[in-house]
C-alpha atoms as a PDB file:
ATOM      1  CA  UNK A   1     135.426  90.487 114.331  1.00  0.00           C
ATOM      2  CA  UNK A   2     134.091  89.989 117.823  1.00  0.00           C
ATOM      3  CA  UNK A   3     132.991  92.569 120.276  1.00  0.00           C
ATOM      4  CA  UNK A   4     135.530  94.173 122.555  1.00  0.00           C
ATOM      5  CA  UNK A   5     135.263  92.867 126.078  1.00  0.00           C
ATOM      6  CA  UNK A   6     134.374  95.525 128.634  1.00  0.00           C
ATOM      7  CA  UNK A   7     135.695  94.956 132.116  1.00  0.00           C
ATOM      8  CA  UNK A   8     134.649  96.836 135.188  1.00  0.00           C
ATOM      9  CA  UNK A   9     137.157  99.290 136.560  1.00  0.00           C
ATOM     10  CA  UNK A  10     137.994  98.470 140.129  1.00  0.00           C
ATOM     11  CA  UNK A  11     139.476 101.074 142.429  1.00  0.00           C
ATOM     12  CA  UNK A  12     141.309  99.701 145.463  1.00  0.00           C
ATOM     13  CA  UNK A  13     140.613 101.337 148.825  1.00  0.00           C
ATOM     14  CA  UNK A  14     142.285 100.575 152.151  1.00  0.00           C
ATOM     15  CA  UNK A  15     140.183  99.233 154.960  1.00  0.00           C
ATOM     16  CA  UNK A  16     139.666 102.028 157.465  1.00  0.00           C
ATOM     17  CA  UNK A  17     141.114  99.741 160.137  1.00  0.00           C
ATOM     18  CA  UNK A  18     144.391  99.758 158.188  1.00  0.00           C
ATOM     19  CA  UNK A  19     144.627 103.561 158.097  1.00  0.00           C
ATOM     20  CA  UNK A  20     146.626 105.445 160.715  1.00  0.00           C
ATOM     21  CA  UNK A  21     145.805 108.852 162.137  1.00  0.00           C
ATOM     22  CA  UNK A  22     149.191 109.945 160.761  1.00  0.00           C
ATOM     23  CA  UNK A  23     148.102 109.090 157.200  1.00  0.00           C
ATOM     24  CA  UNK A  24     144.810 110.953 157.580  1.00  0.00           C
ATOM     25  CA  UNK A  25     146.458 114.040 159.069  1.00  0.00           C
ATOM     26  CA  UNK A  26     149.143 114.110 156.362  1.00  0.00           C
ATOM     27  CA  UNK A  27     146.464 113.814 153.682  1.00  0.00           C
ATOM     28  CA  UNK A  28     144.464 116.644 155.246  1.00  0.00           C
ATOM     29  CA  UNK A  29     147.498 118.912 155.698  1.00  0.00           C
ATOM     30  CA  UNK A  30     147.340 120.125 152.094  1.00  0.00           C
ATOM     31  CA  UNK A  31     144.905 123.026 151.418  1.00  0.00           C
ATOM     32  CA  UNK A  32     143.717 121.570 148.090  1.00  0.00           C
ATOM     33  CA  UNK A  33     142.894 118.243 149.722  1.00  0.00           C
ATOM     34  CA  UNK A  34     141.138 120.014 152.621  1.00  0.00           C
ATOM     35  CA  UNK A  35     139.093 121.886 150.019  1.00  0.00           C
ATOM     36  CA  UNK A  36     138.034 118.589 148.422  1.00  0.00           C
ATOM     37  CA  UNK A  37     137.067 117.154 151.819  1.00  0.00           C
ATOM     38  CA  UNK A  38     135.207 120.327 152.804  1.00  0.00           C
ATOM     39  CA  UNK A  39     133.290 120.340 149.522  1.00  0.00           C
ATOM     40  CA  UNK A  40     132.347 116.668 149.886  1.00  0.00           C
ATOM     41  CA  UNK A  41     131.338 117.178 153.524  1.00  0.00           C
ATOM     42  CA  UNK A  42     128.830 119.858 152.493  1.00  0.00           C
ATOM     43  CA  UNK A  43     127.611 118.156 149.297  1.00  0.00           C
ATOM     44  CA  UNK A  44     124.234 116.463 149.278  1.00  0.00           C
ATOM     45  CA  UNK A  45     125.463 113.929 146.720  1.00  0.00           C
ATOM     46  CA  UNK A  46     128.661 112.295 145.503  1.00  0.00           C
ATOM     47  CA  UNK A  47     130.746 114.507 143.214  1.00  0.00           C
ATOM     48  CA  UNK A  48     132.821 113.837 140.119  1.00  0.00           C
ATOM     49  CA  UNK A  49     136.495 114.779 140.104  1.00  0.00           C
ATOM     50  CA  UNK A  50     135.819 117.500 137.541  1.00  0.00           C
ATOM     51  CA  UNK A  51     133.231 119.255 139.696  1.00  0.00           C
ATOM     52  CA  UNK A  52     135.761 120.616 142.202  1.00  0.00           C
ATOM     53  CA  UNK A  53     137.004 124.185 141.784  1.00  0.00           C
ATOM     54  CA  UNK A  54     140.694 123.632 142.434  1.00  0.00           C
ATOM     55  CA  UNK A  55     143.381 126.118 141.335  1.00  0.00           C
ATOM     56  CA  UNK A  56     145.667 123.315 140.154  1.00  0.00           C
ATOM     57  CA  UNK A  57     146.208 121.280 137.000  1.00  0.00           C
ATOM     58  CA  UNK A  58     144.415 118.058 136.187  1.00  0.00           C
ATOM     59  CA  UNK A  59     147.351 115.742 136.922  1.00  0.00           C
ATOM     60  CA  UNK A  60     148.010 117.454 140.258  1.00  0.00           C
ATOM     61  CA  UNK A  61     144.324 117.152 141.059  1.00  0.00           C
ATOM     62  CA  UNK A  62     144.483 113.412 140.298  1.00  0.00           C
ATOM     63  CA  UNK A  63     147.428 113.097 142.678  1.00  0.00           C
ATOM     64  CA  UNK A  64     145.470 114.799 145.478  1.00  0.00           C
ATOM     65  CA  UNK A  65     142.468 112.489 144.984  1.00  0.00           C
ATOM     66  CA  UNK A  66     144.832 109.510 145.064  1.00  0.00           C
ATOM     67  CA  UNK A  67     146.387 110.666 148.352  1.00  0.00           C
ATOM     68  CA  UNK A  68     142.935 111.117 149.928  1.00  0.00           C
ATOM     69  CA  UNK A  69     141.860 107.675 148.706  1.00  0.00           C
ATOM     70  CA  UNK A  70     145.041 105.987 149.996  1.00  0.00           C
ATOM     71  CA  UNK A  71     144.547 107.648 153.392  1.00  0.00           C
ATOM     72  CA  UNK A  72     141.010 106.246 153.608  1.00  0.00           C
ATOM     73  CA  UNK A  73     139.397 109.691 153.522  1.00  0.00           C
ATOM     74  CA  UNK A  74     137.348 109.210 150.381  1.00  0.00           C
ATOM     75  CA  UNK A  75     135.961 106.420 148.263  1.00  0.00           C
ATOM     76  CA  UNK A  76     135.978 106.599 144.471  1.00  0.00           C
ATOM     77  CA  UNK A  77     133.912 104.677 141.952  1.00  0.00           C
ATOM     78  CA  UNK A  78     133.071 104.915 138.274  1.00  0.00           C
ATOM     79  CA  UNK A  79     129.766 105.833 136.711  1.00  0.00           C
ATOM     80  CA  UNK A  80     130.479 105.173 133.055  1.00  0.00           C
ATOM     81  CA  UNK A  81     133.738 107.012 132.424  1.00  0.00           C
ATOM     82  CA  UNK A  82     133.218 109.508 135.252  1.00  0.00           C
ATOM     83  CA  UNK A  83     135.082 108.964 138.504  1.00  0.00           C
ATOM     84  CA  UNK A  84     132.851 109.816 141.459  1.00  0.00           C
ATOM     85  CA  UNK A  85     133.925 110.669 145.011  1.00  0.00           C
ATOM     86  CA  UNK A  86     132.278 110.195 148.358  1.00  0.00           C
ATOM     87  CA  UNK A  87     133.589 111.011 151.812  1.00  0.00           C
ATOM     88  CA  UNK A  88     134.093 108.048 154.147  1.00  0.00           C
ATOM     89  CA  UNK A  89     132.758 110.136 157.019  1.00  0.00           C
ATOM     90  CA  UNK A  90     130.952 107.384 158.955  1.00  0.00           C
ATOM     91  CA  UNK A  91     133.898 104.997 158.739  1.00  0.00           C
ATOM     92  CA  UNK A  92     136.375 107.695 159.808  1.00  0.00           C
ATOM     93  CA  UNK A  93     134.104 108.772 162.649  1.00  0.00           C
ATOM     94  CA  UNK A  94     134.144 105.230 164.003  1.00  0.00           C
ATOM     95  CA  UNK A  95     137.924 104.942 163.653  1.00  0.00           C
ATOM     96  CA  UNK A  96     138.891 108.484 164.759  1.00  0.00           C
ATOM     97  CA  UNK A  97     135.920 110.057 166.564  1.00  0.00           C
ATOM     98  CA  UNK A  98     135.555 113.784 165.924  1.00  0.00           C
ATOM     99  CA  UNK A  99     138.626 114.120 163.701  1.00  0.00           C
ATOM    100  CA  UNK A 100     136.968 114.711 160.338  1.00  0.00           C
ATOM    101  CA  UNK A 101     134.263 117.016 161.709  1.00  0.00           C
ATOM    102  CA  UNK A 102     136.929 119.096 163.490  1.00  0.00           C
ATOM    103  CA  UNK A 103     138.981 119.413 160.299  1.00  0.00           C
ATOM    104  CA  UNK A 104     135.907 120.410 158.263  1.00  0.00           C
ATOM    105  CA  UNK A 105     134.869 122.974 160.910  1.00  0.00           C
ATOM    106  CA  UNK A 106     138.393 124.439 160.898  1.00  0.00           C
ATOM    107  CA  UNK A 107     138.413 124.564 157.079  1.00  0.00           C
ATOM    108  CA  UNK A 108     135.020 126.303 157.149  1.00  0.00           C
ATOM    109  CA  UNK A 109     136.327 128.907 159.603  1.00  0.00           C
ATOM    110  CA  UNK A 110     139.457 129.381 157.515  1.00  0.00           C
ATOM    111  CA  UNK A 111     137.362 129.877 154.356  1.00  0.00           C
ATOM    112  CA  UNK A 112     135.163 132.486 156.085  1.00  0.00           C
ATOM    113  CA  UNK A 113     138.225 134.443 157.234  1.00  0.00           C
ATOM    114  CA  UNK A 114     140.152 134.308 153.950  1.00  0.00           C
ATOM    115  CA  UNK A 115     139.647 137.422 151.825  1.00  0.00           C
ATOM    116  CA  UNK A 116     138.561 136.704 148.257  1.00  0.00           C
ATOM    117  CA  UNK A 117     140.693 137.948 145.368  1.00  0.00           C
ATOM    118  CA  UNK A 118     139.134 140.842 143.399  1.00  0.00           C
END
């Protein structure tokens, strides 16, 4: 028997020039997706999908990452079997100046003003 052929997993991302402000705003309208973006914006490194503290199931989480990727907000890539995420902050800043930083600042303010559950 021969060895199994291993092929690289390729994740398709839209070019930021093909993304509309409507798509970005719709993607960022959901609190779980804003939480992902906020976490990535403050992270010093790329993060795996499993490292986010989201109060939702795994399949719902996958859906939210897919929406953010399709809207051009984040880029995903594999390291082994782990899917990593990085914010496309520089690209979005060029396309929609100030938008992402304003959303992150608003999410930060919202998080500071939201009482924590006991």
